[in-house]
Amino acid sequence: MPQVEITIGSRSFEVACQEGEEQYLVSAAKMLDAEAAHLSAQIGRMPEGRMLLMAGLMLADRTAGLEDQVRELEAEQANLRAHIAEAAARPAARIEVPVIPQELHDGMAEIAARAEALAEQAEQAEA
């Protein structure tokens, strides 16, 4: 098991961890050290145990808030997925193409027939 030296509140600790987890331990220690430094700046000097307890509680509070946000986002995501599935299950929207009313069609055909008849009469009159 690898041993990692971490520093929290200007005090070094030797901590064991699983192989490959060293970077996560160092990252977590940096977060705890940052909270401890923040506490020390606000409150001043305090016993080491109390400082670590308070820093740990602050990180736990932040983590709980993030977990709440994750739950809310997961619920929103599930809702959106349900809406997408519902929309995908619906038949495609029907697109209507404008149709020329039959009366207009018939009227235009009649006008065309009259025009052809007039054109024929005009040709015969010229001849």
N, C-alpha and C. Protein backbone atom coordinates (compact mmCIF):
# COMPACT_ATOMS: atom_id res chain seq x y z
N MET A 1 0.84 -1.19 0.00
CA MET A 1 0.00 0.00 0.00
C MET A 1 0.88 1.25 0.00
N PRO A 2 0.63 2.12 -0.93
CA PRO A 2 1.44 3.34 -0.99
C PRO A 2 1.15 4.27 0.20
N GLN A 3 2.17 4.98 0.62
CA GLN A 3 2.05 5.98 1.67
C GLN A 3 2.17 7.34 1.01
N VAL A 4 1.26 8.24 1.37
CA VAL A 4 1.28 9.58 0.80
C VAL A 4 1.41 10.56 1.95
N GLU A 5 2.29 11.54 1.76
CA GLU A 5 2.43 12.58 2.77
C GLU A 5 1.58 13.77 2.35
N ILE A 6 0.66 14.15 3.25
CA ILE A 6 -0.22 15.28 2.99
C ILE A 6 0.00 16.32 4.06
N THR A 7 -0.35 17.55 3.74
CA THR A 7 -0.21 18.65 4.69
C THR A 7 -1.56 19.32 4.86
N ILE A 8 -1.98 19.41 6.12
CA ILE A 8 -3.23 20.09 6.45
C ILE A 8 -2.95 21.01 7.63
N GLY A 9 -3.25 22.29 7.42
CA GLY A 9 -3.02 23.25 8.49
C GLY A 9 -1.57 23.34 8.92
N SER A 10 -0.67 23.29 7.97
CA SER A 10 0.79 23.35 8.17
C SER A 10 1.33 22.18 8.98
N ARG A 11 0.56 21.10 9.05
CA ARG A 11 1.03 19.89 9.73
C ARG A 11 1.01 18.75 8.73
N SER A 12 2.08 17.96 8.71
CA SER A 12 2.19 16.85 7.76
C SER A 12 1.68 15.56 8.37
N PHE A 13 1.06 14.77 7.52
CA PHE A 13 0.53 13.47 7.93
C PHE A 13 0.95 12.43 6.88
N GLU A 14 1.25 11.25 7.32
CA GLU A 14 1.56 10.14 6.42
C GLU A 14 0.32 9.25 6.39
N VAL A 15 -0.24 9.08 5.19
CA VAL A 15 -1.50 8.36 5.04
C VAL A 15 -1.34 7.26 4.00
N ALA A 16 -1.89 6.08 4.31
CA ALA A 16 -1.86 4.97 3.36
C ALA A 16 -3.12 5.02 2.49
N CYS A 17 -2.97 4.54 1.27
CA CYS A 17 -4.12 4.49 0.36
C CYS A 17 -3.94 3.33 -0.60
N GLN A 18 -4.97 3.03 -1.37
CA GLN A 18 -4.91 1.97 -2.36
C GLN A 18 -4.03 2.41 -3.54
N GLU A 19 -3.46 1.42 -4.21
CA GLU A 19 -2.63 1.69 -5.39
C GLU A 19 -3.46 2.44 -6.43
N GLY A 20 -2.94 3.54 -6.96
CA GLY A 20 -3.63 4.32 -7.97
C GLY A 20 -4.55 5.40 -7.40
N GLU A 21 -4.74 5.43 -6.10
CA GLU A 21 -5.64 6.42 -5.47
C GLU A 21 -4.88 7.62 -4.91
N GLU A 22 -3.57 7.65 -5.11
CA GLU A 22 -2.76 8.72 -4.52
C GLU A 22 -3.23 10.11 -4.93
N GLN A 23 -3.50 10.30 -6.21
CA GLN A 23 -3.88 11.64 -6.68
C GLN A 23 -5.19 12.10 -6.05
N TYR A 24 -6.11 11.16 -5.81
CA TYR A 24 -7.39 11.52 -5.18
C TYR A 24 -7.19 11.90 -3.72
N LEU A 25 -6.31 11.19 -3.04
CA LEU A 25 -6.01 11.51 -1.65
C LEU A 25 -5.35 12.88 -1.54
N VAL A 26 -4.42 13.16 -2.42
CA VAL A 26 -3.75 14.47 -2.41
C VAL A 26 -4.77 15.58 -2.69
N SER A 27 -5.66 15.34 -3.65
CA SER A 27 -6.69 16.33 -3.98
C SER A 27 -7.62 16.57 -2.79
N ALA A 28 -8.05 15.51 -2.14
CA ALA A 28 -8.93 15.64 -0.97
C ALA A 28 -8.21 16.38 0.15
N ALA A 29 -6.94 16.08 0.34
CA ALA A 29 -6.16 16.75 1.39
C ALA A 29 -6.03 18.24 1.09
N LYS A 30 -5.87 18.60 -0.17
CA LYS A 30 -5.79 20.02 -0.54
C LYS A 30 -7.11 20.73 -0.22
N MET A 31 -8.22 20.06 -0.49
CA MET A 31 -9.52 20.66 -0.17
C MET A 31 -9.67 20.86 1.33
N LEU A 32 -9.30 19.86 2.10
CA LEU A 32 -9.39 19.96 3.57
C LEU A 32 -8.44 21.04 4.09
N ASP A 33 -7.25 21.12 3.52
CA ASP A 33 -6.29 22.15 3.93
C ASP A 33 -6.82 23.55 3.61
N ALA A 34 -7.47 23.70 2.45
CA ALA A 34 -8.03 25.00 2.08
C ALA A 34 -9.12 25.41 3.07
N GLU A 35 -9.98 24.46 3.46
CA GLU A 35 -11.03 24.76 4.46
C GLU A 35 -10.40 25.11 5.81
N ALA A 36 -9.36 24.37 6.19
CA ALA A 36 -8.69 24.65 7.46
C ALA A 36 -8.05 26.03 7.43
N ALA A 37 -7.44 26.41 6.32
CA ALA A 37 -6.83 27.74 6.21
C ALA A 37 -7.90 28.81 6.28
N HIS A 38 -9.05 28.56 5.64
CA HIS A 38 -10.16 29.51 5.68
C HIS A 38 -10.66 29.69 7.12
N LEU A 39 -10.79 28.59 7.83
CA LEU A 39 -11.22 28.66 9.24
C LEU A 39 -10.21 29.42 10.08
N SER A 40 -8.94 29.10 9.89
CA SER A 40 -7.89 29.78 10.67
C SER A 40 -7.90 31.28 10.41
N ALA A 41 -8.15 31.67 9.17
CA ALA A 41 -8.19 33.09 8.84
C ALA A 41 -9.40 33.77 9.49
N GLN A 42 -10.51 33.06 9.58
CA GLN A 42 -11.72 33.64 10.16
C GLN A 42 -11.71 33.63 11.69
N ILE A 43 -11.34 32.50 12.24
CA ILE A 43 -11.47 32.31 13.69
C ILE A 43 -10.15 32.52 14.43
N GLY A 44 -9.07 32.24 13.78
CA GLY A 44 -7.78 32.32 14.43
C GLY A 44 -7.32 30.94 14.86
N ARG A 45 -6.40 30.92 15.75
CA ARG A 45 -5.82 29.64 16.19
C ARG A 45 -6.83 28.84 17.00
N MET A 46 -6.87 27.54 16.74
CA MET A 46 -7.74 26.64 17.49
C MET A 46 -7.07 25.27 17.56
N PRO A 47 -7.52 24.43 18.47
CA PRO A 47 -6.91 23.09 18.57
C PRO A 47 -7.04 22.33 17.25
N GLU A 48 -6.03 21.54 16.96
CA GLU A 48 -5.96 20.81 15.70
C GLU A 48 -7.19 19.95 15.46
N GLY A 49 -7.62 19.22 16.46
CA GLY A 49 -8.78 18.35 16.31
C GLY A 49 -10.03 19.13 15.96
N ARG A 50 -10.22 20.26 16.63
CA ARG A 50 -11.40 21.08 16.36
C ARG A 50 -11.33 21.68 14.95
N MET A 51 -10.14 22.10 14.54
CA MET A 51 -9.97 22.67 13.21
C MET A 51 -10.31 21.63 12.15
N LEU A 52 -9.80 20.40 12.32
CA LEU A 52 -10.08 19.35 11.34
C LEU A 52 -11.56 18.97 11.35
N LEU A 53 -12.16 18.95 12.53
CA LEU A 53 -13.59 18.66 12.63
C LEU A 53 -14.40 19.72 11.89
N MET A 54 -14.13 20.98 12.15
CA MET A 54 -14.87 22.06 11.51
C MET A 54 -14.65 22.07 9.99
N ALA A 55 -13.40 21.87 9.57
CA ALA A 55 -13.10 21.83 8.13
C ALA A 55 -13.83 20.66 7.48
N GLY A 56 -13.83 19.52 8.14
CA GLY A 56 -14.54 18.35 7.62
C GLY A 56 -16.04 18.60 7.53
N LEU A 57 -16.59 19.25 8.55
CA LEU A 57 -18.03 19.56 8.53
C LEU A 57 -18.37 20.55 7.42
N MET A 58 -17.51 21.50 7.19
CA MET A 58 -17.75 22.46 6.11
C MET A 58 -17.73 21.76 4.75
N LEU A 59 -16.78 20.85 4.56
CA LEU A 59 -16.73 20.10 3.31
C LEU A 59 -17.94 19.18 3.18
N ALA A 60 -18.36 18.58 4.28
CA ALA A 60 -19.54 17.71 4.25
C ALA A 60 -20.79 18.52 3.90
N ASP A 61 -20.89 19.73 4.44
CA ASP A 61 -22.03 20.59 4.14
C ASP A 61 -22.05 20.95 2.65
N ARG A 62 -20.90 21.29 2.12
CA ARG A 62 -20.80 21.62 0.70
C ARG A 62 -21.14 20.38 -0.15
N THR A 63 -20.66 19.23 0.27
CA THR A 63 -20.94 17.99 -0.45
C THR A 63 -22.44 17.67 -0.41
N ALA A 64 -23.08 17.87 0.74
CA ALA A 64 -24.52 17.62 0.86
C ALA A 64 -25.29 18.54 -0.08
N GLY A 65 -24.88 19.80 -0.18
CA GLY A 65 -25.52 20.73 -1.10
C GLY A 65 -25.37 20.29 -2.54
N LEU A 66 -24.19 19.83 -2.89
CA LEU A 66 -23.94 19.35 -4.25
C LEU A 66 -24.75 18.08 -4.54
N GLU A 67 -24.87 17.21 -3.54
CA GLU A 67 -25.67 16.00 -3.73
C GLU A 67 -27.14 16.36 -3.95
N ASP A 68 -27.63 17.37 -3.24
CA ASP A 68 -29.01 17.83 -3.47
C ASP A 68 -29.17 18.34 -4.89
N GLN A 69 -28.20 19.11 -5.35
CA GLN A 69 -28.26 19.62 -6.73
C GLN A 69 -28.23 18.48 -7.73
N VAL A 70 -27.40 17.47 -7.47
CA VAL A 70 -27.32 16.32 -8.37
C VAL A 70 -28.66 15.61 -8.42
N ARG A 71 -29.31 15.41 -7.27
CA ARG A 71 -30.63 14.76 -7.24
C ARG A 71 -31.65 15.57 -8.03
N GLU A 72 -31.64 16.88 -7.86
CA GLU A 72 -32.57 17.74 -8.60
C GLU A 72 -32.31 17.65 -10.10
N LEU A 73 -31.05 17.68 -10.49
CA LEU A 73 -30.70 17.60 -11.91
C LEU A 73 -31.04 16.23 -12.48
N GLU A 74 -30.86 15.17 -11.69
CA GLU A 74 -31.22 13.83 -12.16
C GLU A 74 -32.73 13.73 -12.35
N ALA A 75 -33.50 14.33 -11.44
CA ALA A 75 -34.96 14.32 -11.58
C ALA A 75 -35.37 15.11 -12.81
N GLU A 76 -34.75 16.25 -13.03
CA GLU A 76 -35.05 17.07 -14.21
C GLU A 76 -34.67 16.31 -15.49
N GLN A 77 -33.54 15.64 -15.45
CA GLN A 77 -33.09 14.87 -16.61
C GLN A 77 -34.09 13.74 -16.90
N ALA A 78 -34.55 13.04 -15.85
CA ALA A 78 -35.53 11.97 -16.05
C ALA A 78 -36.82 12.52 -16.64
N ASN A 79 -37.23 13.70 -16.17
CA ASN A 79 -38.44 14.34 -16.69
C ASN A 79 -38.26 14.69 -18.17
N LEU A 80 -37.12 15.25 -18.52
CA LEU A 80 -36.85 15.60 -19.91
C LEU A 80 -36.79 14.36 -20.79
N ARG A 81 -36.18 13.29 -20.28
CA ARG A 81 -36.12 12.05 -21.06
C ARG A 81 -37.52 11.50 -21.30
N ALA A 82 -38.39 11.61 -20.28
CA ALA A 82 -39.77 11.14 -20.43
C ALA A 82 -40.48 11.96 -21.50
N HIS A 83 -40.27 13.28 -21.49
CA HIS A 83 -40.89 14.14 -22.50
C HIS A 83 -40.37 13.78 -23.90
N ILE A 84 -39.10 13.52 -24.01
CA ILE A 84 -38.52 13.15 -25.30
C ILE A 84 -39.10 11.83 -25.78
N ALA A 85 -39.21 10.86 -24.87
CA ALA A 85 -39.77 9.56 -25.25
C ALA A 85 -41.23 9.71 -25.66
N GLU A 86 -41.96 10.55 -24.94
CA GLU A 86 -43.36 10.80 -25.27
C GLU A 86 -43.48 11.44 -26.66
N ALA A 87 -42.63 12.42 -26.91
CA ALA A 87 -42.66 13.09 -28.21
C ALA A 87 -42.27 12.13 -29.33
N ALA A 88 -41.31 11.26 -29.07
CA ALA A 88 -40.87 10.30 -30.09
C ALA A 88 -41.96 9.27 -30.37
N ALA A 89 -42.79 8.97 -29.37
CA ALA A 89 -43.84 7.97 -29.55
C ALA A 89 -45.04 8.53 -30.32
N ARG A 90 -45.21 9.83 -30.29
CA ARG A 90 -46.32 10.45 -31.01
C ARG A 90 -46.10 10.35 -32.51
N PRO A 91 -47.19 10.21 -33.27
CA PRO A 91 -47.02 10.19 -34.74
C PRO A 91 -46.49 11.54 -35.21
N ALA A 92 -45.84 11.48 -36.34
CA ALA A 92 -45.27 12.71 -36.90
C ALA A 92 -46.40 13.70 -37.20
N ALA A 93 -46.07 14.95 -37.11
CA ALA A 93 -47.05 15.99 -37.38
C ALA A 93 -47.53 15.88 -38.83
N ARG A 94 -48.80 16.11 -39.01
CA ARG A 94 -49.37 16.03 -40.34
C ARG A 94 -49.22 17.38 -41.02
N ILE A 95 -48.65 17.36 -42.19
CA ILE A 95 -48.45 18.59 -42.94
C ILE A 95 -49.50 18.62 -44.05
N GLU A 96 -50.28 19.65 -44.07
CA GLU A 96 -51.32 19.78 -45.09
C GLU A 96 -50.84 20.72 -46.18
N VAL A 97 -50.99 20.25 -47.39
CA VAL A 97 -50.63 21.06 -48.55
C VAL A 97 -51.92 21.71 -49.05
N PRO A 98 -51.89 23.01 -49.30
CA PRO A 98 -53.10 23.67 -49.77
C PRO A 98 -53.59 23.02 -51.06
N VAL A 99 -54.89 22.81 -51.13
CA VAL A 99 -55.50 22.18 -52.30
C VAL A 99 -56.40 23.22 -52.96
N ILE A 100 -56.36 23.24 -54.28
CA ILE A 100 -57.22 24.16 -55.02
C ILE A 100 -58.65 23.63 -54.91
N PRO A 101 -59.58 24.45 -54.46
CA PRO A 101 -60.97 23.98 -54.36
C PRO A 101 -61.48 23.52 -55.72
N GLN A 102 -62.32 22.50 -55.71
CA GLN A 102 -62.83 21.91 -56.95
C GLN A 102 -63.57 22.95 -57.79
N GLU A 103 -64.32 23.86 -57.14
CA GLU A 103 -65.06 24.88 -57.90
C GLU A 103 -64.10 25.75 -58.70
N LEU A 104 -63.01 26.14 -58.07
CA LEU A 104 -62.03 26.98 -58.77
C LEU A 104 -61.40 26.21 -59.91
N HIS A 105 -61.08 24.96 -59.66
CA HIS A 105 -60.49 24.10 -60.69
C HIS A 105 -61.44 24.00 -61.88
N ASP A 106 -62.72 23.75 -61.59
CA ASP A 106 -63.71 23.63 -62.67
C ASP A 106 -63.86 24.96 -63.42
N GLY A 107 -63.89 26.08 -62.70
CA GLY A 107 -64.02 27.40 -63.31
C GLY A 107 -62.85 27.69 -64.23
N MET A 108 -61.63 27.35 -63.78
CA MET A 108 -60.44 27.59 -64.61
C MET A 108 -60.47 26.71 -65.86
N ALA A 109 -60.93 25.47 -65.71
CA ALA A 109 -61.03 24.57 -66.88
C ALA A 109 -62.04 25.13 -67.88
N GLU A 110 -63.13 25.69 -67.38
CA GLU A 110 -64.15 26.27 -68.27
C GLU A 110 -63.59 27.49 -69.00
N ILE A 111 -62.87 28.34 -68.30
CA ILE A 111 -62.26 29.52 -68.92
C ILE A 111 -61.26 29.09 -69.98
N ALA A 112 -60.47 28.07 -69.71
CA ALA A 112 -59.49 27.58 -70.67
C ALA A 112 -60.19 27.05 -71.92
N ALA A 113 -61.28 26.33 -71.71
CA ALA A 113 -62.03 25.78 -72.85
C ALA A 113 -62.60 26.91 -73.69
N ARG A 114 -63.14 27.96 -73.08
CA ARG A 114 -63.69 29.10 -73.81
C ARG A 114 -62.59 29.82 -74.60
N ALA A 115 -61.40 29.96 -73.93
CA ALA A 115 -60.29 30.64 -74.60
C ALA A 115 -59.87 29.86 -75.83
N GLU A 116 -59.81 28.54 -75.74
CA GLU A 116 -59.45 27.71 -76.89
C GLU A 116 -60.50 27.85 -78.00
N ALA A 117 -61.77 27.87 -77.60
CA ALA A 117 -62.84 28.01 -78.60
C ALA A 117 -62.73 29.36 -79.30
N LEU A 118 -62.46 30.43 -78.56
CA LEU A 118 -62.29 31.76 -79.15
C LEU A 118 -61.08 31.80 -80.08
N ALA A 119 -60.01 31.12 -79.67
CA ALA A 119 -58.81 31.09 -80.51
C ALA A 119 -59.11 30.37 -81.81
N GLU A 120 -59.88 29.31 -81.77
CA GLU A 120 -60.25 28.59 -82.98
C GLU A 120 -61.12 29.46 -83.89
N GLN A 121 -62.08 30.17 -83.28
CA GLN A 121 -62.95 31.07 -84.06
C GLN A 121 -62.13 32.17 -84.74
N ALA A 122 -61.13 32.68 -83.98
CA ALA A 122 -60.30 33.74 -84.55
C ALA A 122 -59.49 33.20 -85.71
N GLU A 123 -58.99 32.00 -85.62
CA GLU A 123 -58.22 31.41 -86.72
C GLU A 123 -59.11 31.19 -87.93
N GLN A 124 -60.30 30.72 -87.72
CA GLN A 124 -61.21 30.46 -88.83
C GLN A 124 -61.63 31.78 -89.50
N ALA A 125 -61.78 32.83 -88.71
CA ALA A 125 -62.19 34.12 -89.27
C ALA A 125 -61.06 34.70 -90.11
N GLU A 126 -59.84 34.46 -89.76
CA GLU A 126 -58.70 34.97 -90.54
C GLU A 126 -58.56 34.21 -91.84
N ALA A 127 -58.91 32.98 -91.84
CA ALA A 127 -58.70 32.16 -93.02
C ALA A 127 -59.71 32.36 -94.08
